[in-house]
Amino acid sequence: MLRDAPTTVVMTAWLVVTTEGMKHAASSATTSPHFSGLQERLLEHHRSPLATLLRQGLERGELRDDLDVDIAVSQLGGPLVFRKLISMEPVDEEFCHRVVEDFLLANLAAT
């Protein structure tokens, strides 16, 4: 999804959602009906599939048993977001494979 999304659309959408959420959190206990929970839903939409895969790997004993799924999601997703939004380099198949291979080298369970 990240690879195919236009960078300006991704950045604009995320900035609008986070900025509106911060404004409402700072100004009152109520949130805008337009942005209520949107940031959380977006985050969960992108985080959930990867977190599920990682939990399955833990359950099967494929990953180190001390793996923190939340941190692992950030370790895997962070480079993709950085490359797409900050360095503006392509998020291609080769790059994604390298990120996953490096992660697995550090986090596979000892056999």
N, C-alpha and C. Protein backbone atom coordinates (compact mmCIF):
# COMPACT_ATOMS: atom_id res chain seq x y z
N MET A 1 0.82 -1.20 0.00
CA MET A 1 0.00 0.00 0.00
C MET A 1 0.86 1.25 0.00
N LEU A 2 1.89 1.24 0.82
CA LEU A 2 2.75 2.43 0.93
C LEU A 2 3.48 2.69 -0.37
N ARG A 3 3.90 1.63 -1.02
CA ARG A 3 4.67 1.78 -2.26
C ARG A 3 3.84 2.47 -3.33
N ASP A 4 2.57 2.16 -3.44
CA ASP A 4 1.74 2.68 -4.51
C ASP A 4 1.04 4.00 -4.19
N ALA A 5 0.99 4.38 -2.94
CA ALA A 5 0.29 5.61 -2.56
C ALA A 5 1.12 6.83 -2.93
N PRO A 6 0.47 7.86 -3.48
CA PRO A 6 1.21 9.10 -3.75
C PRO A 6 1.72 9.72 -2.46
N THR A 7 2.98 10.07 -2.43
CA THR A 7 3.61 10.59 -1.22
C THR A 7 2.87 11.79 -0.66
N THR A 8 2.48 12.72 -1.51
CA THR A 8 1.82 13.92 -1.00
C THR A 8 0.48 13.59 -0.35
N VAL A 9 -0.22 12.61 -0.87
CA VAL A 9 -1.50 12.22 -0.29
C VAL A 9 -1.28 11.59 1.09
N VAL A 10 -0.31 10.71 1.19
CA VAL A 10 -0.02 10.04 2.46
C VAL A 10 0.38 11.08 3.51
N MET A 11 1.29 11.96 3.15
CA MET A 11 1.76 12.96 4.10
C MET A 11 0.64 13.91 4.52
N THR A 12 -0.12 14.37 3.56
CA THR A 12 -1.20 15.31 3.86
C THR A 12 -2.24 14.68 4.76
N ALA A 13 -2.66 13.47 4.43
CA ALA A 13 -3.68 12.79 5.24
C ALA A 13 -3.20 12.59 6.66
N TRP A 14 -1.98 12.12 6.82
CA TRP A 14 -1.47 11.87 8.17
C TRP A 14 -1.31 13.17 8.95
N LEU A 15 -0.84 14.22 8.30
CA LEU A 15 -0.70 15.51 8.99
C LEU A 15 -2.04 16.07 9.42
N VAL A 16 -3.03 15.96 8.57
CA VAL A 16 -4.37 16.46 8.92
C VAL A 16 -4.91 15.71 10.12
N VAL A 17 -4.82 14.40 10.09
CA VAL A 17 -5.36 13.58 11.17
C VAL A 17 -4.64 13.85 12.47
N THR A 18 -3.32 13.88 12.46
CA THR A 18 -2.58 14.07 13.70
C THR A 18 -2.71 15.50 14.21
N THR A 19 -2.71 16.48 13.32
CA THR A 19 -2.83 17.87 13.74
C THR A 19 -4.20 18.13 14.35
N GLU A 20 -5.25 17.65 13.72
CA GLU A 20 -6.59 17.83 14.25
C GLU A 20 -6.74 17.13 15.60
N GLY A 21 -6.19 15.94 15.70
CA GLY A 21 -6.27 15.20 16.96
C GLY A 21 -5.56 15.93 18.09
N MET A 22 -4.39 16.51 17.79
CA MET A 22 -3.65 17.24 18.81
C MET A 22 -4.38 18.51 19.22
N LYS A 23 -4.99 19.20 18.25
CA LYS A 23 -5.73 20.43 18.55
C LYS A 23 -6.87 20.14 19.52
N HIS A 24 -7.63 19.09 19.22
CA HIS A 24 -8.79 18.78 20.05
C HIS A 24 -8.39 18.23 21.41
N ALA A 25 -7.32 17.47 21.47
CA ALA A 25 -6.86 16.94 22.75
C ALA A 25 -6.37 18.08 23.65
N ALA A 26 -5.75 19.08 23.06
CA ALA A 26 -5.21 20.20 23.85
C ALA A 26 -6.30 21.18 24.26
N SER A 27 -7.34 21.34 23.44
CA SER A 27 -8.32 22.38 23.71
C SER A 27 -9.51 21.93 24.53
N SER A 28 -9.85 20.65 24.49
CA SER A 28 -11.01 20.20 25.25
C SER A 28 -11.00 18.69 25.38
N ALA A 29 -11.92 18.20 26.20
CA ALA A 29 -12.03 16.76 26.39
C ALA A 29 -12.80 16.11 25.25
N THR A 30 -13.48 16.90 24.45
CA THR A 30 -14.25 16.34 23.33
C THR A 30 -13.41 16.36 22.07
N THR A 31 -13.69 15.45 21.18
CA THR A 31 -12.96 15.40 19.93
C THR A 31 -13.89 15.70 18.78
N SER A 32 -13.32 16.13 17.69
CA SER A 32 -14.08 16.42 16.49
C SER A 32 -14.73 15.15 15.98
N PRO A 33 -16.00 15.22 15.58
CA PRO A 33 -16.64 14.02 15.03
C PRO A 33 -15.97 13.58 13.72
N HIS A 34 -15.30 14.51 13.04
CA HIS A 34 -14.64 14.17 11.78
C HIS A 34 -13.37 13.36 11.99
N PHE A 35 -12.71 13.56 13.12
CA PHE A 35 -11.43 12.91 13.34
C PHE A 35 -11.41 11.97 14.54
N SER A 36 -12.56 11.85 15.20
CA SER A 36 -12.65 10.99 16.37
C SER A 36 -12.27 9.56 16.02
N GLY A 37 -11.18 9.12 16.58
CA GLY A 37 -10.75 7.75 16.38
C GLY A 37 -10.12 7.45 15.03
N LEU A 38 -10.10 8.43 14.13
CA LEU A 38 -9.57 8.16 12.79
C LEU A 38 -8.09 7.80 12.83
N GLN A 39 -7.33 8.53 13.62
CA GLN A 39 -5.90 8.23 13.72
C GLN A 39 -5.69 6.81 14.25
N GLU A 40 -6.45 6.43 15.28
CA GLU A 40 -6.31 5.09 15.84
C GLU A 40 -6.70 4.03 14.82
N ARG A 41 -7.76 4.28 14.05
CA ARG A 41 -8.19 3.30 13.04
C ARG A 41 -7.16 3.18 11.93
N LEU A 42 -6.60 4.30 11.51
CA LEU A 42 -5.56 4.25 10.48
C LEU A 42 -4.34 3.47 10.97
N LEU A 43 -3.94 3.77 12.18
CA LEU A 43 -2.78 3.08 12.75
C LEU A 43 -3.06 1.58 12.85
N GLU A 44 -4.21 1.22 13.37
CA GLU A 44 -4.55 -0.19 13.52
C GLU A 44 -4.67 -0.89 12.17
N HIS A 45 -5.20 -0.19 11.18
CA HIS A 45 -5.34 -0.76 9.84
C HIS A 45 -3.98 -1.15 9.26
N HIS A 46 -2.99 -0.33 9.52
CA HIS A 46 -1.65 -0.60 8.97
C HIS A 46 -0.83 -1.51 9.87
N ARG A 47 -1.09 -1.46 11.17
CA ARG A 47 -0.30 -2.22 12.13
C ARG A 47 -0.80 -3.66 12.27
N SER A 48 -2.08 -3.87 12.22
CA SER A 48 -2.69 -5.15 12.55
C SER A 48 -2.19 -6.34 11.72
N PRO A 49 -2.13 -6.24 10.39
CA PRO A 49 -1.67 -7.41 9.62
C PRO A 49 -0.25 -7.85 9.99
N LEU A 50 0.64 -6.91 10.16
CA LEU A 50 2.02 -7.23 10.50
C LEU A 50 2.10 -7.78 11.93
N ALA A 51 1.39 -7.16 12.84
CA ALA A 51 1.38 -7.64 14.23
C ALA A 51 0.85 -9.07 14.30
N THR A 52 -0.16 -9.37 13.51
CA THR A 52 -0.73 -10.72 13.48
C THR A 52 0.31 -11.72 12.99
N LEU A 53 1.02 -11.39 11.90
CA LEU A 53 2.06 -12.28 11.39
C LEU A 53 3.16 -12.51 12.42
N LEU A 54 3.56 -11.46 13.10
CA LEU A 54 4.61 -11.59 14.11
C LEU A 54 4.15 -12.46 15.28
N ARG A 55 2.92 -12.27 15.72
CA ARG A 55 2.39 -13.10 16.82
C ARG A 55 2.33 -14.57 16.40
N GLN A 56 1.95 -14.83 15.16
CA GLN A 56 1.93 -16.21 14.66
C GLN A 56 3.33 -16.80 14.67
N GLY A 57 4.32 -16.01 14.26
CA GLY A 57 5.70 -16.47 14.30
C GLY A 57 6.17 -16.78 15.71
N LEU A 58 5.72 -15.97 16.67
CA LEU A 58 6.04 -16.24 18.08
C LEU A 58 5.38 -17.53 18.55
N GLU A 59 4.11 -17.70 18.21
CA GLU A 59 3.37 -18.90 18.63
C GLU A 59 3.98 -20.17 18.04
N ARG A 60 4.50 -20.10 16.84
CA ARG A 60 5.11 -21.27 16.21
C ARG A 60 6.56 -21.47 16.64
N GLY A 61 7.09 -20.56 17.44
CA GLY A 61 8.46 -20.68 17.92
C GLY A 61 9.49 -20.28 16.88
N GLU A 62 9.08 -19.57 15.85
CA GLU A 62 10.00 -19.17 14.78
C GLU A 62 10.79 -17.92 15.13
N LEU A 63 10.23 -17.10 16.01
CA LEU A 63 10.88 -15.85 16.41
C LEU A 63 11.31 -15.95 17.87
N ARG A 64 12.30 -15.15 18.23
CA ARG A 64 12.78 -15.12 19.61
C ARG A 64 11.61 -14.89 20.55
N ASP A 65 11.58 -15.61 21.64
CA ASP A 65 10.44 -15.49 22.55
C ASP A 65 10.41 -14.16 23.32
N ASP A 66 11.48 -13.40 23.28
CA ASP A 66 11.49 -12.09 23.94
C ASP A 66 11.13 -10.95 22.98
N LEU A 67 10.69 -11.30 21.77
CA LEU A 67 10.34 -10.28 20.78
C LEU A 67 9.14 -9.46 21.25
N ASP A 68 9.26 -8.16 21.23
CA ASP A 68 8.15 -7.26 21.54
C ASP A 68 7.49 -6.90 20.21
N VAL A 69 6.24 -7.33 20.03
CA VAL A 69 5.54 -7.17 18.75
C VAL A 69 5.40 -5.69 18.38
N ASP A 70 5.08 -4.84 19.34
CA ASP A 70 4.93 -3.41 19.03
C ASP A 70 6.23 -2.81 18.52
N ILE A 71 7.33 -3.16 19.17
CA ILE A 71 8.63 -2.65 18.72
C ILE A 71 8.98 -3.24 17.36
N ALA A 72 8.69 -4.52 17.16
CA ALA A 72 9.00 -5.17 15.89
C ALA A 72 8.23 -4.54 14.74
N VAL A 73 6.98 -4.17 14.97
CA VAL A 73 6.20 -3.50 13.92
C VAL A 73 6.88 -2.18 13.54
N SER A 74 7.35 -1.45 14.53
CA SER A 74 8.06 -0.20 14.25
C SER A 74 9.38 -0.44 13.54
N GLN A 75 10.08 -1.51 13.93
CA GLN A 75 11.36 -1.82 13.28
C GLN A 75 11.17 -2.17 11.81
N LEU A 76 10.09 -2.84 11.51
CA LEU A 76 9.83 -3.22 10.12
C LEU A 76 9.19 -2.09 9.32
N GLY A 77 8.27 -1.37 9.92
CA GLY A 77 7.56 -0.32 9.21
C GLY A 77 8.32 0.98 9.10
N GLY A 78 9.14 1.27 10.10
CA GLY A 78 9.87 2.53 10.13
C GLY A 78 10.72 2.80 8.89
N PRO A 79 11.53 1.83 8.47
CA PRO A 79 12.35 2.07 7.27
C PRO A 79 11.52 2.34 6.02
N LEU A 80 10.35 1.70 5.92
CA LEU A 80 9.51 1.90 4.74
C LEU A 80 8.92 3.30 4.72
N VAL A 81 8.44 3.74 5.87
CA VAL A 81 7.87 5.08 5.97
C VAL A 81 8.96 6.13 5.76
N PHE A 82 10.13 5.92 6.37
CA PHE A 82 11.23 6.86 6.19
C PHE A 82 11.59 6.99 4.72
N ARG A 83 11.72 5.86 4.06
CA ARG A 83 12.12 5.87 2.65
C ARG A 83 11.07 6.56 1.79
N LYS A 84 9.80 6.32 2.08
CA LYS A 84 8.71 6.90 1.28
C LYS A 84 8.54 8.39 1.56
N LEU A 85 8.53 8.79 2.82
CA LEU A 85 8.16 10.15 3.18
C LEU A 85 9.32 11.10 3.43
N ILE A 86 10.46 10.58 3.85
CA ILE A 86 11.57 11.45 4.20
C ILE A 86 12.61 11.50 3.08
N SER A 87 13.14 10.34 2.70
CA SER A 87 14.19 10.35 1.68
C SER A 87 13.63 10.33 0.26
N MET A 88 12.33 10.06 0.13
CA MET A 88 11.63 10.05 -1.16
C MET A 88 12.24 9.05 -2.14
N GLU A 89 12.81 7.98 -1.61
CA GLU A 89 13.34 6.91 -2.45
C GLU A 89 12.24 5.87 -2.66
N PRO A 90 12.38 5.05 -3.68
CA PRO A 90 11.33 4.07 -3.94
C PRO A 90 11.28 2.98 -2.86
N VAL A 91 10.09 2.57 -2.52
CA VAL A 91 9.88 1.44 -1.62
C VAL A 91 9.60 0.25 -2.53
N ASP A 92 10.69 -0.31 -3.05
CA ASP A 92 10.54 -1.38 -4.02
C ASP A 92 10.69 -2.75 -3.36
N GLU A 93 10.45 -3.77 -4.14
CA GLU A 93 10.51 -5.15 -3.67
C GLU A 93 11.86 -5.48 -3.06
N GLU A 94 12.93 -5.07 -3.70
CA GLU A 94 14.28 -5.35 -3.21
C GLU A 94 14.52 -4.74 -1.83
N PHE A 95 14.09 -3.49 -1.67
CA PHE A 95 14.27 -2.82 -0.39
C PHE A 95 13.47 -3.52 0.70
N CYS A 96 12.23 -3.86 0.41
CA CYS A 96 11.37 -4.53 1.39
C CYS A 96 11.96 -5.87 1.80
N HIS A 97 12.47 -6.63 0.83
CA HIS A 97 13.10 -7.92 1.15
C HIS A 97 14.30 -7.72 2.06
N ARG A 98 15.09 -6.70 1.80
CA ARG A 98 16.28 -6.45 2.62
C ARG A 98 15.91 -6.10 4.06
N VAL A 99 14.87 -5.28 4.22
CA VAL A 99 14.42 -4.91 5.56
C VAL A 99 13.96 -6.15 6.32
N VAL A 100 13.19 -6.99 5.67
CA VAL A 100 12.69 -8.21 6.31
C VAL A 100 13.83 -9.18 6.61
N GLU A 101 14.74 -9.37 5.67
CA GLU A 101 15.88 -10.27 5.89
C GLU A 101 16.72 -9.81 7.09
N ASP A 102 17.01 -8.52 7.15
CA ASP A 102 17.79 -8.00 8.28
C ASP A 102 17.06 -8.21 9.60
N PHE A 103 15.75 -7.97 9.59
CA PHE A 103 14.94 -8.17 10.80
C PHE A 103 14.99 -9.64 11.23
N LEU A 104 14.81 -10.54 10.27
CA LEU A 104 14.80 -11.96 10.60
C LEU A 104 16.15 -12.45 11.09
N LEU A 105 17.23 -11.95 10.53
CA LEU A 105 18.56 -12.33 11.00
C LEU A 105 18.73 -12.00 12.48
N ALA A 106 18.15 -10.90 12.89
CA ALA A 106 18.28 -10.48 14.29
C ALA A 106 17.25 -11.13 15.21
N ASN A 107 16.16 -11.66 14.65
CA ASN A 107 15.04 -12.07 15.51
C ASN A 107 14.55 -13.50 15.35
N LEU A 108 15.18 -14.29 14.49
CA LEU A 108 14.78 -15.69 14.39
C LEU A 108 15.17 -16.44 15.65
N ALA A 109 14.32 -17.37 16.03
CA ALA A 109 14.62 -18.19 17.20
C ALA A 109 15.82 -19.07 16.90
N ALA A 110 16.61 -19.35 17.91
CA ALA A 110 17.76 -20.24 17.73
C ALA A 110 17.25 -21.65 17.46
N THR A 111 17.86 -22.29 16.49
CA THR A 111 17.43 -23.67 16.15
C THR A 111 18.46 -24.67 16.56
